[in-house]
PDB file of N, CA and C in Angstrom:
ATOM      1  N   MET A   1    -132.661 145.242  84.070  1.00  0.00           N
ATOM      2  CA  MET A   1    -132.357 144.424  85.241  1.00  0.00           C
ATOM      3  C   MET A   1    -131.217 145.061  86.022  1.00  0.00           C
ATOM      4  N   ASN A   2    -131.388 145.165  87.305  1.00  0.00           N
ATOM      5  CA  ASN A   2    -130.370 145.741  88.169  1.00  0.00           C
ATOM      6  C   ASN A   2    -129.350 144.651  88.520  1.00  0.00           C
ATOM      7  N   TRP A   3    -128.091 144.907  88.235  1.00  0.00           N
ATOM      8  CA  TRP A   3    -127.050 143.888  88.441  1.00  0.00           C
ATOM      9  C   TRP A   3    -126.481 143.886  89.843  1.00  0.00           C
ATOM     10  N   MET A   4    -126.775 144.931  90.595  1.00  0.00           N
ATOM     11  CA  MET A   4    -126.221 144.997  91.954  1.00  0.00           C
ATOM     12  C   MET A   4    -127.340 145.244  92.951  1.00  0.00           C
ATOM     13  N   HIS A   5    -127.239 144.598  94.086  1.00  0.00           N
ATOM     14  CA  HIS A   5    -128.150 144.855  95.191  1.00  0.00           C
ATOM     15  C   HIS A   5    -127.688 146.103  95.943  1.00  0.00           C
ATOM     16  N   SER A   6    -128.604 146.734  96.647  1.00  0.00           N
ATOM     17  CA  SER A   6    -128.253 147.845  97.530  1.00  0.00           C
ATOM     18  C   SER A   6    -127.585 147.278  98.789  1.00  0.00           C
ATOM     19  N   CYS A   7    -126.921 148.134  99.533  1.00  0.00           N
ATOM     20  CA  CYS A   7    -126.292 147.698 100.781  1.00  0.00           C
ATOM     21  C   CYS A   7    -127.347 147.164 101.750  1.00  0.00           C
ATOM     22  N   LYS A   8    -128.508 147.793 101.776  1.00  0.00           N
ATOM     23  CA  LYS A   8    -129.579 147.327 102.657  1.00  0.00           C
ATOM     24  C   LYS A   8    -129.997 145.915 102.281  1.00  0.00           C
ATOM     25  N   ARG A   9    -130.173 145.666 100.997  1.00  0.00           N
ATOM     26  CA  ARG A   9    -130.583 144.331 100.544  1.00  0.00           C
ATOM     27  C   ARG A   9    -129.470 143.307 100.815  1.00  0.00           C
ATOM     28  N   VAL A  10    -128.228 143.717 100.656  1.00  0.00           N
ATOM     29  CA  VAL A  10    -127.099 142.824 100.935  1.00  0.00           C
ATOM     30  C   VAL A  10    -127.102 142.411 102.406  1.00  0.00           C
ATOM     31  N   ALA A  11    -127.359 143.346 103.301  1.00  0.00           N
ATOM     32  CA  ALA A  11    -127.419 143.017 104.734  1.00  0.00           C
ATOM     33  C   ALA A  11    -128.515 141.987 105.000  1.00  0.00           C
ATOM     34  N   GLU A  12    -129.655 142.160 104.357  1.00  0.00           N
ATOM     35  CA  GLU A  12    -130.748 141.190 104.516  1.00  0.00           C
ATOM     36  C   GLU A  12    -130.353 139.813 103.997  1.00  0.00           C
ATOM     37  N   LEU A  13    -129.712 139.793 102.832  1.00  0.00           N
ATOM     38  CA  LEU A  13    -129.310 138.514 102.238  1.00  0.00           C
ATOM     39  C   LEU A  13    -128.216 137.824 103.052  1.00  0.00           C
ATOM     40  N   LEU A  14    -127.303 138.599 103.610  1.00  0.00           N
ATOM     41  CA  LEU A  14    -126.253 138.002 104.440  1.00  0.00           C
ATOM     42  C   LEU A  14    -126.864 137.291 105.642  1.00  0.00           C
ATOM     43  N   SER A  15    -127.842 137.914 106.242  1.00  0.00           N
ATOM     44  CA  SER A  15    -128.524 137.297 107.368  1.00  0.00           C
ATOM     45  C   SER A  15    -129.309 136.060 106.914  1.00  0.00           C
ATOM     46  N   GLN A  16    -130.020 136.199 105.822  1.00  0.00           N
ATOM     47  CA  GLN A  16    -130.806 135.076 105.296  1.00  0.00           C
ATOM     48  C   GLN A  16    -129.915 133.893 104.944  1.00  0.00           C
ATOM     49  N   ARG A  17    -128.729 134.187 104.385  1.00  0.00           N
ATOM     50  CA  ARG A  17    -127.812 133.129 103.959  1.00  0.00           C
ATOM     51  C   ARG A  17    -127.317 132.282 105.134  1.00  0.00           C
ATOM     52  N   LEU A  18    -127.347 132.835 106.341  1.00  0.00           N
ATOM     53  CA  LEU A  18    -126.964 132.049 107.514  1.00  0.00           C
ATOM     54  C   LEU A  18    -128.014 130.975 107.821  1.00  0.00           C
ATOM     55  N   ASP A  19    -129.257 131.220 107.419  1.00  0.00           N
ATOM     56  CA  ASP A  19    -130.357 130.307 107.724  1.00  0.00           C
ATOM     57  C   ASP A  19    -130.704 129.357 106.588  1.00  0.00           C
ATOM     58  N   GLU A  20    -130.495 129.799 105.352  1.00  0.00           N
ATOM     59  CA  GLU A  20    -130.898 128.996 104.199  1.00  0.00           C
ATOM     60  C   GLU A  20    -130.083 129.406 102.982  1.00  0.00           C
ATOM     61  N   PRO A  21    -129.949 128.497 102.012  1.00  0.00           N
ATOM     62  CA  PRO A  21    -129.221 128.856 100.790  1.00  0.00           C
ATOM     63  C   PRO A  21    -129.982 129.925  99.996  1.00  0.00           C
ATOM     64  N   LEU A  22    -129.227 130.784  99.341  1.00  0.00           N
ATOM     65  CA  LEU A  22    -129.832 131.801  98.488  1.00  0.00           C
ATOM     66  C   LEU A  22    -130.038 131.239  97.091  1.00  0.00           C
ATOM     67  N   GLY A  23    -130.931 131.867  96.360  1.00  0.00           N
ATOM     68  CA  GLY A  23    -131.098 131.507  94.957  1.00  0.00           C
ATOM     69  C   GLY A  23    -129.860 131.912  94.168  1.00  0.00           C
ATOM     70  N   LEU A  24    -129.698 131.342  92.998  1.00  0.00           N
ATOM     71  CA  LEU A  24    -128.504 131.573  92.182  1.00  0.00           C
ATOM     72  C   LEU A  24    -128.319 133.053  91.849  1.00  0.00           C
ATOM     73  N   ILE A  25    -129.369 133.720  91.410  1.00  0.00           N
ATOM     74  CA  ILE A  25    -129.259 135.140  91.032  1.00  0.00           C
ATOM     75  C   ILE A  25    -128.900 135.993  92.243  1.00  0.00           C
ATOM     76  N   ASP A  26    -129.569 135.773  93.369  1.00  0.00           N
ATOM     77  CA  ASP A  26    -129.236 136.534  94.577  1.00  0.00           C
ATOM     78  C   ASP A  26    -127.801 136.281  95.015  1.00  0.00           C
ATOM     79  N   GLU A  27    -127.345 135.047  94.935  1.00  0.00           N
ATOM     80  CA  GLU A  27    -125.968 134.727  95.339  1.00  0.00           C
ATOM     81  C   GLU A  27    -124.963 135.430  94.433  1.00  0.00           C
ATOM     82  N   ILE A  28    -125.215 135.436  93.144  1.00  0.00           N
ATOM     83  CA  ILE A  28    -124.303 136.096  92.198  1.00  0.00           C
ATOM     84  C   ILE A  28    -124.280 137.598  92.449  1.00  0.00           C
ATOM     85  N   LYS A  29    -125.460 138.211  92.598  1.00  0.00           N
ATOM     86  CA  LYS A  29    -125.521 139.646  92.857  1.00  0.00           C
ATOM     87  C   LYS A  29    -124.881 139.999  94.194  1.00  0.00           C
ATOM     88  N   LEU A  30    -125.059 139.134  95.179  1.00  0.00           N
ATOM     89  CA  LEU A  30    -124.441 139.338  96.488  1.00  0.00           C
ATOM     90  C   LEU A  30    -122.919 139.314  96.367  1.00  0.00           C
ATOM     91  N   ARG A  31    -122.406 138.314  95.710  1.00  0.00           N
ATOM     92  CA  ARG A  31    -120.937 138.213  95.546  1.00  0.00           C
ATOM     93  C   ARG A  31    -120.369 139.397  94.776  1.00  0.00           C
ATOM     94  N   LEU A  32    -121.096 139.840  93.741  1.00  0.00           N
ATOM     95  CA  LEU A  32    -120.660 140.997  92.972  1.00  0.00           C
ATOM     96  C   LEU A  32    -120.589 142.232  93.875  1.00  0.00           C
ATOM     97  N   HIS A  33    -121.624 142.451  94.639  1.00  0.00           N
ATOM     98  CA  HIS A  33    -121.659 143.602  95.546  1.00  0.00           C
ATOM     99  C   HIS A  33    -120.524 143.517  96.569  1.00  0.00           C
ATOM    100  N   LEU A  34    -120.354 142.331  97.174  1.00  0.00           N
ATOM    101  CA  LEU A  34    -119.317 142.178  98.198  1.00  0.00           C
ATOM    102  C   LEU A  34    -117.917 142.396  97.630  1.00  0.00           C
ATOM    103  N   SER A  35    -117.720 142.066  96.354  1.00  0.00           N
ATOM    104  CA  SER A  35    -116.396 142.260  95.745  1.00  0.00           C
ATOM    105  C   SER A  35    -116.069 143.735  95.537  1.00  0.00           C
ATOM    106  N   MET A  36    -117.111 144.588  95.574  1.00  0.00           N
ATOM    107  CA  MET A  36    -116.902 146.000  95.295  1.00  0.00           C
ATOM    108  C   MET A  36    -117.192 146.914  96.488  1.00  0.00           C
ATOM    109  N   CYS A  37    -117.761 146.378  97.552  1.00  0.00           N
ATOM    110  CA  CYS A  37    -118.162 147.221  98.694  1.00  0.00           C
ATOM    111  C   CYS A  37    -117.455 146.745  99.965  1.00  0.00           C
ATOM    112  N   GLY A  38    -116.494 147.512 100.395  1.00  0.00           N
ATOM    113  CA  GLY A  38    -115.732 147.157 101.594  1.00  0.00           C
ATOM    114  C   GLY A  38    -116.574 147.146 102.859  1.00  0.00           C
ATOM    115  N   ASN A  39    -117.533 148.061 102.963  1.00  0.00           N
ATOM    116  CA  ASN A  39    -118.377 148.103 104.157  1.00  0.00           C
ATOM    117  C   ASN A  39    -119.208 146.832 104.283  1.00  0.00           C
ATOM    118  N   CYS A  40    -119.813 146.403 103.187  1.00  0.00           N
ATOM    119  CA  CYS A  40    -120.637 145.194 103.238  1.00  0.00           C
ATOM    120  C   CYS A  40    -119.775 143.947 103.463  1.00  0.00           C
ATOM    121  N   SER A  41    -118.567 143.952 102.903  1.00  0.00           N
ATOM    122  CA  SER A  41    -117.653 142.831 103.151  1.00  0.00           C
ATOM    123  C   SER A  41    -117.309 142.738 104.629  1.00  0.00           C
ATOM    124  N   HIS A  42    -117.156 143.896 105.265  1.00  0.00           N
ATOM    125  CA  HIS A  42    -116.875 143.927 106.702  1.00  0.00           C
ATOM    126  C   HIS A  42    -118.069 143.403 107.495  1.00  0.00           C
ATOM    127  N   VAL A  43    -119.266 143.800 107.097  1.00  0.00           N
ATOM    128  CA  VAL A  43    -120.479 143.299 107.749  1.00  0.00           C
ATOM    129  C   VAL A  43    -120.555 141.779 107.596  1.00  0.00           C
ATOM    130  N   GLU A  44    -120.219 141.268 106.418  1.00  0.00           N
ATOM    131  CA  GLU A  44    -120.221 139.820 106.192  1.00  0.00           C
ATOM    132  C   GLU A  44    -119.274 139.120 107.169  1.00  0.00           C
ATOM    133  N   GLN A  45    -118.081 139.659 107.335  1.00  0.00           N
ATOM    134  CA  GLN A  45    -117.109 139.068 108.258  1.00  0.00           C
ATOM    135  C   GLN A  45    -117.626 139.095 109.689  1.00  0.00           C
ATOM    136  N   GLN A  46    -118.257 140.186 110.078  1.00  0.00           N
ATOM    137  CA  GLN A  46    -118.799 140.299 111.433  1.00  0.00           C
ATOM    138  C   GLN A  46    -119.918 139.275 111.661  1.00  0.00           C
ATOM    139  N   LEU A  47    -120.824 139.148 110.695  1.00  0.00           N
ATOM    140  CA  LEU A  47    -121.915 138.183 110.833  1.00  0.00           C
ATOM    141  C   LEU A  47    -121.389 136.753 110.913  1.00  0.00           C
ATOM    142  N   GLU A  48    -120.407 136.437 110.084  1.00  0.00           N
ATOM    143  CA  GLU A  48    -119.822 135.100 110.122  1.00  0.00           C
ATOM    144  C   GLU A  48    -119.147 134.845 111.466  1.00  0.00           C
ATOM    145  N   GLY A  49    -118.488 135.861 112.021  1.00  0.00           N
ATOM    146  CA  GLY A  49    -117.845 135.716 113.324  1.00  0.00           C
ATOM    147  C   GLY A  49    -118.853 135.479 114.436  1.00  0.00           C
ATOM    148  N   VAL A  50    -119.937 136.235 114.421  1.00  0.00           N
ATOM    149  CA  VAL A  50    -120.981 136.052 115.426  1.00  0.00           C
ATOM    150  C   VAL A  50    -121.629 134.679 115.284  1.00  0.00           C
ATOM    151  N   HIS A  51    -121.874 134.281 114.046  1.00  0.00           N
ATOM    152  CA  HIS A  51    -122.485 132.971 113.791  1.00  0.00           C
ATOM    153  C   HIS A  51    -121.577 131.843 114.300  1.00  0.00           C
ATOM    154  N   ALA A  52    -120.289 131.943 114.020  1.00  0.00           N
ATOM    155  CA  ALA A  52    -119.341 130.923 114.474  1.00  0.00           C
ATOM    156  C   ALA A  52    -119.243 130.900 116.001  1.00  0.00           C
ATOM    157  N   ALA A  53    -119.217 132.082 116.609  1.00  0.00           N
ATOM    158  CA  ALA A  53    -119.104 132.150 118.070  1.00  0.00           C
ATOM    159  C   ALA A  53    -120.330 131.545 118.744  1.00  0.00           C
ATOM    160  N   THR A  54    -121.508 131.830 118.226  1.00  0.00           N
ATOM    161  CA  THR A  54    -122.714 131.261 118.833  1.00  0.00           C
ATOM    162  C   THR A  54    -122.791 129.764 118.598  1.00  0.00           C
ATOM    163  N   ALA A  55    -122.326 129.310 117.437  1.00  0.00           N
ATOM    164  CA  ALA A  55    -122.308 127.871 117.188  1.00  0.00           C
ATOM    165  C   ALA A  55    -121.374 127.181 118.178  1.00  0.00           C
ATOM    166  N   ASP A  56    -120.216 127.778 118.432  1.00  0.00           N
ATOM    167  CA  ASP A  56    -119.270 127.231 119.410  1.00  0.00           C
ATOM    168  C   ASP A  56    -119.873 127.240 120.813  1.00  0.00           C
ATOM    169  N   LEU A  57    -120.563 128.302 121.146  1.00  0.00           N
ATOM    170  CA  LEU A  57    -121.174 128.428 122.468  1.00  0.00           C
ATOM    171  C   LEU A  57    -122.205 127.324 122.694  1.00  0.00           C
ATOM    172  N   PHE A  58    -123.071 127.111 121.730  1.00  0.00           N
ATOM    173  CA  PHE A  58    -124.091 126.080 121.868  1.00  0.00           C
ATOM    174  C   PHE A  58    -123.488 124.680 121.815  1.00  0.00           C
ATOM    175  N   ALA A  59    -122.412 124.508 121.060  1.00  0.00           N
ATOM    176  CA  ALA A  59    -121.758 123.202 120.987  1.00  0.00           C
ATOM    177  C   ALA A  59    -121.072 122.858 122.310  1.00  0.00           C
ATOM    178  N   SER A  60    -120.686 123.888 123.079  1.00  0.00           N
ATOM    179  CA  SER A  60    -119.994 123.633 124.348  1.00  0.00           C
ATOM    180  C   SER A  60    -120.961 123.263 125.464  1.00  0.00           C
ATOM    181  N   GLY A  61    -122.247 123.361 125.204  1.00  0.00           N
ATOM    182  CA  GLY A  61    -123.225 122.941 126.187  1.00  0.00           C
ATOM    183  C   GLY A  61    -123.582 123.987 127.213  1.00  0.00           C
ATOM    184  N   VAL A  62    -123.345 125.249 126.915  1.00  0.00           N
ATOM    185  CA  VAL A  62    -123.740 126.307 127.828  1.00  0.00           C
ATOM    186  C   VAL A  62    -125.262 126.343 127.866  1.00  0.00           C
ATOM    187  N   PRO A  63    -125.871 126.301 129.053  1.00  0.00           N
ATOM    188  CA  PRO A  63    -127.333 126.276 129.119  1.00  0.00           C
ATOM    189  C   PRO A  63    -127.945 127.605 128.693  1.00  0.00           C
ATOM    190  N   ALA A  64    -129.103 127.528 128.105  1.00  0.00           N
ATOM    191  CA  ALA A  64    -129.853 128.725 127.744  1.00  0.00           C
ATOM    192  C   ALA A  64    -130.348 129.392 129.019  1.00  0.00           C
ATOM    193  N   ASP A  65    -130.780 130.641 128.931  1.00  0.00           N
ATOM    194  CA  ASP A  65    -131.245 131.372 130.110  1.00  0.00           C
ATOM    195  C   ASP A  65    -132.348 130.635 130.848  1.00  0.00           C
ATOM    196  N   ASP A  66    -133.256 130.010 130.110  1.00  0.00           N
ATOM    197  CA  ASP A  66    -134.367 129.324 130.773  1.00  0.00           C
ATOM    198  C   ASP A  66    -133.952 127.986 131.383  1.00  0.00           C
ATOM    199  N   GLU A  67    -132.734 127.532 131.078  1.00  0.00           N
ATOM    200  CA  GLU A  67    -132.224 126.282 131.649  1.00  0.00           C
ATOM    201  C   GLU A  67    -131.222 126.535 132.774  1.00  0.00           C
ATOM    202  N   ALA A  68    -130.781 127.782 132.905  1.00  0.00           N
ATOM    203  CA  ALA A  68    -129.771 128.113 133.919  1.00  0.00           C
ATOM    204  C   ALA A  68    -130.396 128.061 135.303  1.00  0.00           C
ATOM    205  N   PRO A  69    -129.620 127.675 136.311  1.00  0.00           N
ATOM    206  CA  PRO A  69    -130.140 127.650 137.676  1.00  0.00           C
ATOM    207  C   PRO A  69    -130.608 129.037 138.095  1.00  0.00           C
ATOM    208  N   GLN A  70    -131.704 129.120 138.770  1.00  0.00           N
ATOM    209  CA  GLN A  70    -132.267 130.392 139.223  1.00  0.00           C
ATOM    210  C   GLN A  70    -131.923 130.610 140.686  1.00  0.00           C
ATOM    211  N   ARG A  71    -131.630 131.849 141.047  1.00  0.00           N
ATOM    212  CA  ARG A  71    -131.399 132.153 142.449  1.00  0.00           C
ATOM    213  C   ARG A  71    -132.744 132.474 143.090  1.00  0.00           C
ATOM    214  N   PRO A  72    -132.853 132.262 144.359  1.00  0.00           N
ATOM    215  CA  PRO A  72    -134.135 132.512 145.038  1.00  0.00           C
ATOM    216  C   PRO A  72    -134.577 133.963 144.869  1.00  0.00           C
ATOM    217  N   ALA A  73    -135.879 134.156 144.771  1.00  0.00           N
ATOM    218  CA  ALA A  73    -136.439 135.504 144.630  1.00  0.00           C
ATOM    219  C   ALA A  73    -136.109 136.345 145.854  1.00  0.00           C
ATOM    220  N   GLY A  74    -135.844 137.617 145.632  1.00  0.00           N
ATOM    221  CA  GLY A  74    -135.584 138.517 146.745  1.00  0.00           C
ATOM    222  C   GLY A  74    -134.131 138.549 147.195  1.00  0.00           C
ATOM    223  N   ARG A  75    -133.299 137.661 146.661  1.00  0.00           N
ATOM    224  CA  ARG A  75    -131.879 137.677 147.050  1.00  0.00           C
ATOM    225  C   ARG A  75    -131.086 138.309 145.943  1.00  0.00           C
ATOM    226  N   PRO A  76    -130.359 139.386 146.224  1.00  0.00           N
ATOM    227  CA  PRO A  76    -129.529 140.011 145.199  1.00  0.00           C
ATOM    228  C   PRO A  76    -128.374 139.094 144.807  1.00  0.00           C
ATOM    229  N   ALA A  77    -127.887 139.290 143.622  1.00  0.00           N
ATOM    230  CA  ALA A  77    -126.761 138.498 143.151  1.00  0.00           C
ATOM    231  C   ALA A  77    -125.546 138.748 144.034  1.00  0.00           C
ATOM    232  N   GLY A  78    -124.757 137.719 144.277  1.00  0.00           N
ATOM    233  CA  GLY A  78    -123.537 137.840 145.057  1.00  0.00           C
ATOM    234  C   GLY A  78    -123.725 137.751 146.559  1.00  0.00           C
ATOM    235  N   HIS A  79    -124.930 137.528 147.045  1.00  0.00           N
ATOM    236  CA  HIS A  79    -125.165 137.404 148.494  1.00  0.00           C
ATOM    237  C   HIS A  79    -125.544 135.991 148.856  1.00  0.00           C
TER     238      HIS A  79
END
């Protein structure tokens, strides 16, 4: 049995963990890897930062692109 995930697998699990809980074995292997790999720990921090920023953005009520007011066709921006 392999006790550590590869960096590639860790990146996949970090992303998956934002959407759903991981299984116990994957979570343990992930934590073990993160405790020993500075690069993956940095990726984890970056993903958490992006996740928090987007959560804040959506909580503030910023409209999505398809909800934003549209400018008339043929008129360049700023005119």
